[in-house]
Each structure stands twice: as structure tokens, then as C-alpha cells.
Amino acid sequence: MKYLLIAALAAFIPAVATATPTYLPSRDVVVQYTLSGTGQPPASYQLSYDAADQLARVDSPSGFYVLANLPADQAEIVVPALHAIVQAPDFSALTSEIYHADNARFSPLGSGFYAGLPCQRYLVTDQHGTARACITRDGVILHLTGQNGHGNAVVTATSVSFAPQPSYEFAPPQNFAPLNLPPGALQALLQPQG
């Protein structure tokens, strides 16, 4: 499930593309998403995106959030409950993969409509699996269904708001300490508390 969650979070980070879809959102945006995966109940996530600096923030229902710097191929997880910042190599590798398009192929499938916005539907294929995505002209993914060797995921935008994003939202809190975790501990930390 860890890899499925990482792959689904990739959907929150702007769309990768060949020449057809827009590569990254062309303007600042906040998107509310519902994510469901194999054997998991639906959960709500929020993506905030700074188009000028190509920075993303994904807030999870578990209380942590992921900060991604696309040009730097870097991601970190902020865990407010621990006052900690965790370096996230799995997320960083995924950020790099997304930013550099990872040889994804997009085949147009027609038009769609989600969260009050029109979008172009695509079949997306790469070496990791296949997906169907609906992407706006501004580069925002409104709907994604995907599968790979780790399972299935469905991501659907429920609201989209184009508005300037404050830069402090994309920086970790200054008073939080770095936290180094042993292998496997990050997955346990990110599991929803029940």
C-alpha cells in the first residue's frame, strides 16, 4: 500500500506530459481531492501549488504534509505531531520521475468534466503501469484512475480554486527538527491512525 499511496500522491503533483497536456499548472491552485486505493476507505487530501517556483504541498487527513520542490527533485514530510521534518527519499524519487516526465505516453480519449471544470481525458502509460487521467488546459489533474503492481488508485478533484499561494506554505516550520528514521519506519508513521 505504501507504493500505491506514493503513486497516488503523484497525481496530486502536477501532470507530467508529452507535447499534448500542459506539463505543470500554469497558475497557482488549491485542489481538494478524494483518494481511494485497493482495500482502503476514501480519504480527502489537499494540494496547494506554487506555479512560479514549481512547489507543491499535499496535506493528508493523517495530519502530516508533504512538501515537494519539483526542480530540485526533493520532497520532505512535515509531521506536526512530532515537531519533525522527515526526508523522504521515496517521495523525492517520485518527484524527480514526475518532473522529468519518465517517458510517459499520453493518448487522448476525449473530454471530461470534474469539480466544475472541463478537462481532456488521456490514457497514460509508462514502465510503472497505466492510468486514465483528465487534465485541464492549466495542467491540473481533475481525475485519475491508475493501477500498477501494487494495486489500484482513484483520485478525483472535488473543488479547484485558482488563487495566489503564500510562499510560507511551502517551507517547513523553522522550529521543527530533522528526523532520521530507520528503513520501514516511514511507512508505519504514514499509516492512518484508527
C-alpha atoms as a PDB file:
ATOM      1  CA  MET A   1       0.000   0.000   0.000  1.00  0.00           C
ATOM      2  CA  LYS A   2       2.955   2.328   0.635  1.00  0.00           C
ATOM      3  CA  TYR A   3       3.864   2.400  -3.051  1.00  0.00           C
ATOM      4  CA  LEU A   4       0.246   2.818  -4.109  1.00  0.00           C
ATOM      5  CA  LEU A   5      -0.051   5.825  -1.786  1.00  0.00           C
ATOM      6  CA  ILE A   6       3.143   7.285  -3.236  1.00  0.00           C
ATOM      7  CA  ALA A   7       1.882   6.692  -6.785  1.00  0.00           C
ATOM      8  CA  ALA A   8      -1.468   8.254  -5.956  1.00  0.00           C
ATOM      9  CA  LEU A   9       0.231  11.259  -4.389  1.00  0.00           C
ATOM     10  CA  ALA A  10       1.997  11.638  -7.695  1.00  0.00           C
ATOM     11  CA  ALA A  11      -1.370  12.518  -9.113  1.00  0.00           C
ATOM     12  CA  PHE A  12      -1.503  15.498  -6.764  1.00  0.00           C
ATOM     13  CA  ILE A  13       1.762  16.772  -8.017  1.00  0.00           C
ATOM     14  CA  PRO A  14       1.172  18.335 -11.428  1.00  0.00           C
ATOM     15  CA  ALA A  15       0.709  16.279 -14.541  1.00  0.00           C
ATOM     16  CA  VAL A  16       3.672  15.011 -16.493  1.00  0.00           C
ATOM     17  CA  ALA A  17       3.253  15.098 -20.193  1.00  0.00           C
ATOM     18  CA  THR A  18       4.460  14.791 -23.702  1.00  0.00           C
ATOM     19  CA  ALA A  19       3.518  17.618 -26.059  1.00  0.00           C
ATOM     20  CA  THR A  20      -0.253  17.217 -25.623  1.00  0.00           C
ATOM     21  CA  PRO A  21      -1.104  18.007 -21.975  1.00  0.00           C
ATOM     22  CA  THR A  22       0.260  21.027 -20.155  1.00  0.00           C
ATOM     23  CA  TYR A  23       3.376  19.961 -18.228  1.00  0.00           C
ATOM     24  CA  LEU A  24       2.684  21.821 -14.966  1.00  0.00           C
ATOM     25  CA  PRO A  25      -0.119  24.097 -13.742  1.00  0.00           C
ATOM     26  CA  SER A  26       0.370  27.495 -15.278  1.00  0.00           C
ATOM     27  CA  ARG A  27      -1.005  29.311 -12.248  1.00  0.00           C
ATOM     28  CA  ASP A  28      -1.289  28.876  -8.505  1.00  0.00           C
ATOM     29  CA  VAL A  29      -4.017  26.499  -7.418  1.00  0.00           C
ATOM     30  CA  VAL A  30      -5.536  24.668  -4.445  1.00  0.00           C
ATOM     31  CA  VAL A  31      -7.304  21.388  -5.210  1.00  0.00           C
ATOM     32  CA  GLN A  32      -9.322  19.214  -2.840  1.00  0.00           C
ATOM     33  CA  TYR A  33      -9.090  15.537  -3.792  1.00  0.00           C
ATOM     34  CA  THR A  34     -10.695  12.285  -2.735  1.00  0.00           C
ATOM     35  CA  LEU A  35      -8.321   9.317  -2.940  1.00  0.00           C
ATOM     36  CA  SER A  36      -9.290   5.675  -2.685  1.00  0.00           C
ATOM     37  CA  GLY A  37      -6.998   2.717  -3.152  1.00  0.00           C
ATOM     38  CA  THR A  38      -7.170  -1.037  -3.080  1.00  0.00           C
ATOM     39  CA  GLY A  39      -8.609  -2.068   0.280  1.00  0.00           C
ATOM     40  CA  GLN A  40      -8.556   1.470   1.681  1.00  0.00           C
ATOM     41  CA  PRO A  41     -11.500   3.738   2.516  1.00  0.00           C
ATOM     42  CA  PRO A  42     -11.695   7.036   0.615  1.00  0.00           C
ATOM     43  CA  ALA A  43      -9.679   9.887   2.142  1.00  0.00           C
ATOM     44  CA  SER A  44      -9.504  13.624   1.420  1.00  0.00           C
ATOM     45  CA  TYR A  45      -6.258  15.370   0.520  1.00  0.00           C
ATOM     46  CA  GLN A  46      -5.469  18.965  -0.385  1.00  0.00           C
ATOM     47  CA  LEU A  47      -2.893  20.004  -2.974  1.00  0.00           C
ATOM     48  CA  SER A  48      -1.543  23.559  -2.928  1.00  0.00           C
ATOM     49  CA  TYR A  49       0.699  24.520  -5.842  1.00  0.00           C
ATOM     50  CA  ASP A  50       3.015  27.494  -6.426  1.00  0.00           C
ATOM     51  CA  ALA A  51       3.349  27.740 -10.214  1.00  0.00           C
ATOM     52  CA  ALA A  52       6.188  30.293 -10.286  1.00  0.00           C
ATOM     53  CA  ASP A  53       8.534  28.197  -8.128  1.00  0.00           C
ATOM     54  CA  GLN A  54       7.060  24.764  -9.005  1.00  0.00           C
ATOM     55  CA  LEU A  55       6.442  23.856  -5.371  1.00  0.00           C
ATOM     56  CA  ALA A  56       3.711  21.524  -4.142  1.00  0.00           C
ATOM     57  CA  ARG A  57       2.221  20.833  -0.733  1.00  0.00           C
ATOM     58  CA  VAL A  58      -0.059  17.857  -0.102  1.00  0.00           C
ATOM     59  CA  ASP A  59      -1.958  17.877   3.208  1.00  0.00           C
ATOM     60  CA  SER A  60      -3.090  14.437   4.369  1.00  0.00           C
ATOM     61  CA  PRO A  61      -6.004  13.520   6.629  1.00  0.00           C
ATOM     62  CA  SER A  62      -3.482  11.897   8.999  1.00  0.00           C
ATOM     63  CA  GLY A  63      -2.063  15.293   9.972  1.00  0.00           C
ATOM     64  CA  PHE A  64       1.258  15.202   8.098  1.00  0.00           C
ATOM     65  CA  TYR A  65       2.004  17.026   4.878  1.00  0.00           C
ATOM     66  CA  VAL A  66       4.420  16.524   2.009  1.00  0.00           C
ATOM     67  CA  LEU A  67       6.443  19.429   0.604  1.00  0.00           C
ATOM     68  CA  ALA A  68       7.813  18.849  -2.904  1.00  0.00           C
ATOM     69  CA  ASN A  69      10.287  21.027  -4.772  1.00  0.00           C
ATOM     70  CA  LEU A  70       9.982  19.770  -8.348  1.00  0.00           C
ATOM     71  CA  PRO A  71      13.058  21.466  -9.900  1.00  0.00           C
ATOM     72  CA  ALA A  72      15.252  20.224  -7.012  1.00  0.00           C
ATOM     73  CA  ASP A  73      13.828  16.655  -7.175  1.00  0.00           C
ATOM     74  CA  GLN A  74      13.304  16.888  -3.426  1.00  0.00           C
ATOM     75  CA  ALA A  75      10.478  16.041  -1.048  1.00  0.00           C
ATOM     76  CA  GLU A  76      10.125  16.038   2.703  1.00  0.00           C
ATOM     77  CA  ILE A  77       7.368  15.127   5.099  1.00  0.00           C
ATOM     78  CA  VAL A  78       6.392  17.509   7.883  1.00  0.00           C
ATOM     79  CA  VAL A  79       4.915  15.776  10.935  1.00  0.00           C
ATOM     80  CA  PRO A  80       3.439  18.472  13.221  1.00  0.00           C
ATOM     81  CA  ALA A  81       2.582  15.947  15.966  1.00  0.00           C
ATOM     82  CA  LEU A  82       6.316  15.223  16.346  1.00  0.00           C
ATOM     83  CA  HIS A  83       7.555  18.736  15.501  1.00  0.00           C
ATOM     84  CA  ALA A  84       9.687  16.928  12.924  1.00  0.00           C
ATOM     85  CA  ILE A  85      10.754  17.059   9.293  1.00  0.00           C
ATOM     86  CA  VAL A  86      11.450  13.694   7.678  1.00  0.00           C
ATOM     87  CA  GLN A  87      13.484  13.442   4.496  1.00  0.00           C
ATOM     88  CA  ALA A  88      11.522  11.286   2.091  1.00  0.00           C
ATOM     89  CA  PRO A  89      13.719   9.530  -0.474  1.00  0.00           C
ATOM     90  CA  ASP A  90      10.760   7.586  -1.904  1.00  0.00           C
ATOM     91  CA  PHE A  91       8.828  10.817  -2.441  1.00  0.00           C
ATOM     92  CA  SER A  92      11.955  12.582  -3.766  1.00  0.00           C
ATOM     93  CA  ALA A  93      12.493   9.845  -6.352  1.00  0.00           C
ATOM     94  CA  LEU A  94       8.839  10.099  -7.348  1.00  0.00           C
ATOM     95  CA  THR A  95       9.102  13.902  -7.584  1.00  0.00           C
ATOM     96  CA  SER A  96      12.066  13.524  -9.940  1.00  0.00           C
ATOM     97  CA  GLU A  97      10.198  10.944 -12.009  1.00  0.00           C
ATOM     98  CA  ILE A  98       7.203  13.263 -12.369  1.00  0.00           C
ATOM     99  CA  TYR A  99       9.198  16.400 -13.104  1.00  0.00           C
ATOM    100  CA  HIS A 100      11.234  14.699 -15.818  1.00  0.00           C
ATOM    101  CA  ALA A 101       8.165  13.016 -17.395  1.00  0.00           C
ATOM    102  CA  ASP A 102       9.610   9.490 -17.072  1.00  0.00           C
ATOM    103  CA  ASN A 103       8.800   8.728 -20.735  1.00  0.00           C
ATOM    104  CA  ALA A 104       5.036   8.675 -20.146  1.00  0.00           C
ATOM    105  CA  ARG A 105       2.869   8.362 -23.246  1.00  0.00           C
ATOM    106  CA  PHE A 106      -0.446  10.238 -23.412  1.00  0.00           C
ATOM    107  CA  SER A 107      -3.197   9.111 -25.792  1.00  0.00           C
ATOM    108  CA  PRO A 108      -6.235  11.435 -25.982  1.00  0.00           C
ATOM    109  CA  LEU A 109      -9.570   9.800 -25.099  1.00  0.00           C
ATOM    110  CA  GLY A 110     -11.991  12.725 -25.318  1.00  0.00           C
ATOM    111  CA  SER A 111     -13.262  15.347 -22.938  1.00  0.00           C
ATOM    112  CA  GLY A 112     -14.442  15.181 -19.337  1.00  0.00           C
ATOM    113  CA  PHE A 113     -15.806  17.383 -16.573  1.00  0.00           C
ATOM    114  CA  TYR A 114     -14.932  17.257 -12.848  1.00  0.00           C
ATOM    115  CA  ALA A 115     -15.157  19.757  -9.986  1.00  0.00           C
ATOM    116  CA  GLY A 116     -16.943  22.203 -12.275  1.00  0.00           C
ATOM    117  CA  LEU A 117     -14.131  22.330 -14.856  1.00  0.00           C
ATOM    118  CA  PRO A 118     -13.645  20.840 -18.312  1.00  0.00           C
ATOM    119  CA  CYS A 119     -10.662  18.578 -18.900  1.00  0.00           C
ATOM    120  CA  GLN A 120      -9.081  16.409 -21.574  1.00  0.00           C
ATOM    121  CA  ARG A 121      -9.071  12.661 -20.866  1.00  0.00           C
ATOM    122  CA  TYR A 122      -5.922  10.635 -21.610  1.00  0.00           C
ATOM    123  CA  LEU A 123      -4.699   7.087 -21.409  1.00  0.00           C
ATOM    124  CA  VAL A 124      -1.287   7.386 -19.737  1.00  0.00           C
ATOM    125  CA  THR A 125       1.243   4.575 -19.997  1.00  0.00           C
ATOM    126  CA  ASP A 126       4.798   4.174 -18.750  1.00  0.00           C
ATOM    127  CA  GLN A 127       7.023   1.414 -17.409  1.00  0.00           C
ATOM    128  CA  HIS A 128       5.280   1.524 -14.000  1.00  0.00           C
ATOM    129  CA  GLY A 129       1.700   0.952 -15.146  1.00  0.00           C
ATOM    130  CA  THR A 130      -1.287   2.546 -16.832  1.00  0.00           C
ATOM    131  CA  ALA A 131      -3.706   5.265 -15.845  1.00  0.00           C
ATOM    132  CA  ARG A 132      -6.558   7.321 -17.200  1.00  0.00           C
ATOM    133  CA  ALA A 133      -6.314  10.995 -16.361  1.00  0.00           C
ATOM    134  CA  CYS A 134      -8.451  14.051 -17.017  1.00  0.00           C
ATOM    135  CA  ILE A 135      -6.257  17.169 -17.138  1.00  0.00           C
ATOM    136  CA  THR A 136      -7.262  20.829 -17.535  1.00  0.00           C
ATOM    137  CA  ARG A 137      -5.599  23.169 -20.002  1.00  0.00           C
ATOM    138  CA  ASP A 138      -3.927  24.679 -16.928  1.00  0.00           C
ATOM    139  CA  GLY A 139      -2.268  21.325 -16.144  1.00  0.00           C
ATOM    140  CA  VAL A 140      -4.419  20.345 -13.156  1.00  0.00           C
ATOM    141  CA  ILE A 141      -5.375  16.676 -12.830  1.00  0.00           C
ATOM    142  CA  LEU A 142      -9.090  16.506 -12.056  1.00  0.00           C
ATOM    143  CA  HIS A 143      -9.490  12.737 -12.173  1.00  0.00           C
ATOM    144  CA  LEU A 144      -7.095   9.809 -12.277  1.00  0.00           C
ATOM    145  CA  THR A 145      -7.591   6.072 -12.167  1.00  0.00           C
ATOM    146  CA  GLY A 146      -4.439   4.035 -12.181  1.00  0.00           C
ATOM    147  CA  GLN A 147      -3.001   0.656 -11.499  1.00  0.00           C
ATOM    148  CA  ASN A 148       0.421  -0.853 -11.129  1.00  0.00           C
ATOM    149  CA  GLY A 149       1.934  -3.879  -9.450  1.00  0.00           C
ATOM    150  CA  HIS A 150       0.934  -2.538  -6.027  1.00  0.00           C
ATOM    151  CA  GLY A 151      -2.789  -2.040  -6.658  1.00  0.00           C
ATOM    152  CA  ASN A 152      -5.324   0.478  -7.905  1.00  0.00           C
ATOM    153  CA  ALA A 153      -5.993   4.100  -7.030  1.00  0.00           C
ATOM    154  CA  VAL A 154      -8.747   6.560  -7.903  1.00  0.00           C
ATOM    155  CA  VAL A 155      -8.178  10.283  -7.390  1.00  0.00           C
ATOM    156  CA  THR A 156     -10.991  12.782  -8.010  1.00  0.00           C
ATOM    157  CA  ALA A 157     -10.943  16.558  -7.567  1.00  0.00           C
ATOM    158  CA  THR A 158     -13.922  17.815  -5.585  1.00  0.00           C
ATOM    159  CA  SER A 159     -13.025  21.525  -5.742  1.00  0.00           C
ATOM    160  CA  VAL A 160     -10.464  23.701  -7.510  1.00  0.00           C
ATOM    161  CA  SER A 161      -9.526  27.252  -6.564  1.00  0.00           C
ATOM    162  CA  PHE A 162      -7.077  29.313  -8.605  1.00  0.00           C
ATOM    163  CA  ALA A 163      -5.538  31.883  -6.246  1.00  0.00           C
ATOM    164  CA  PRO A 164      -2.066  33.142  -5.284  1.00  0.00           C
ATOM    165  CA  GLN A 165      -0.345  30.847  -2.777  1.00  0.00           C
ATOM    166  CA  PRO A 166       1.760  32.297   0.057  1.00  0.00           C
ATOM    167  CA  SER A 167       5.391  31.126  -0.036  1.00  0.00           C
ATOM    168  CA  TYR A 168       5.461  30.211   3.672  1.00  0.00           C
ATOM    169  CA  GLU A 169       3.024  27.346   2.957  1.00  0.00           C
ATOM    170  CA  PHE A 170       5.797  25.584   1.015  1.00  0.00           C
ATOM    171  CA  ALA A 171       8.533  25.825   3.657  1.00  0.00           C
ATOM    172  CA  PRO A 172       8.891  23.575   6.698  1.00  0.00           C
ATOM    173  CA  PRO A 173       8.411  25.265  10.073  1.00  0.00           C
ATOM    174  CA  GLN A 174      11.702  26.725  11.322  1.00  0.00           C
ATOM    175  CA  ASN A 175      11.366  25.278  14.822  1.00  0.00           C
ATOM    176  CA  PHE A 176      10.894  21.674  13.629  1.00  0.00           C
ATOM    177  CA  ALA A 177      13.818  19.255  13.933  1.00  0.00           C
ATOM    178  CA  PRO A 178      15.043  16.857  11.246  1.00  0.00           C
ATOM    179  CA  LEU A 179      14.164  13.247  12.000  1.00  0.00           C
ATOM    180  CA  ASN A 180      16.052  10.278  10.575  1.00  0.00           C
ATOM    181  CA  LEU A 181      14.053   7.083  10.539  1.00  0.00           C
ATOM    182  CA  PRO A 182      15.227   3.506  10.085  1.00  0.00           C
ATOM    183  CA  PRO A 183      14.025   1.633   6.976  1.00  0.00           C
ATOM    184  CA  GLY A 184      10.328   0.820   7.154  1.00  0.00           C
ATOM    185  CA  ALA A 185       9.583   3.339   9.889  1.00  0.00           C
ATOM    186  CA  LEU A 186       8.319   5.976   7.440  1.00  0.00           C
ATOM    187  CA  GLN A 187       5.620   3.612   6.187  1.00  0.00           C
ATOM    188  CA  ALA A 188       4.456   2.976   9.762  1.00  0.00           C
ATOM    189  CA  LEU A 189       4.470   6.711  10.507  1.00  0.00           C
ATOM    190  CA  LEU A 190       2.254   7.464   7.498  1.00  0.00           C
ATOM    191  CA  GLN A 191      -0.394   4.843   8.265  1.00  0.00           C
ATOM    192  CA  PRO A 192      -3.742   6.357   9.268  1.00  0.00           C
ATOM    193  CA  GLN A 193      -4.337   6.204  12.994  1.00  0.00           C
ATOM    194  CA  GLY A 194      -7.521   4.326  13.817  1.00  0.00           C
END
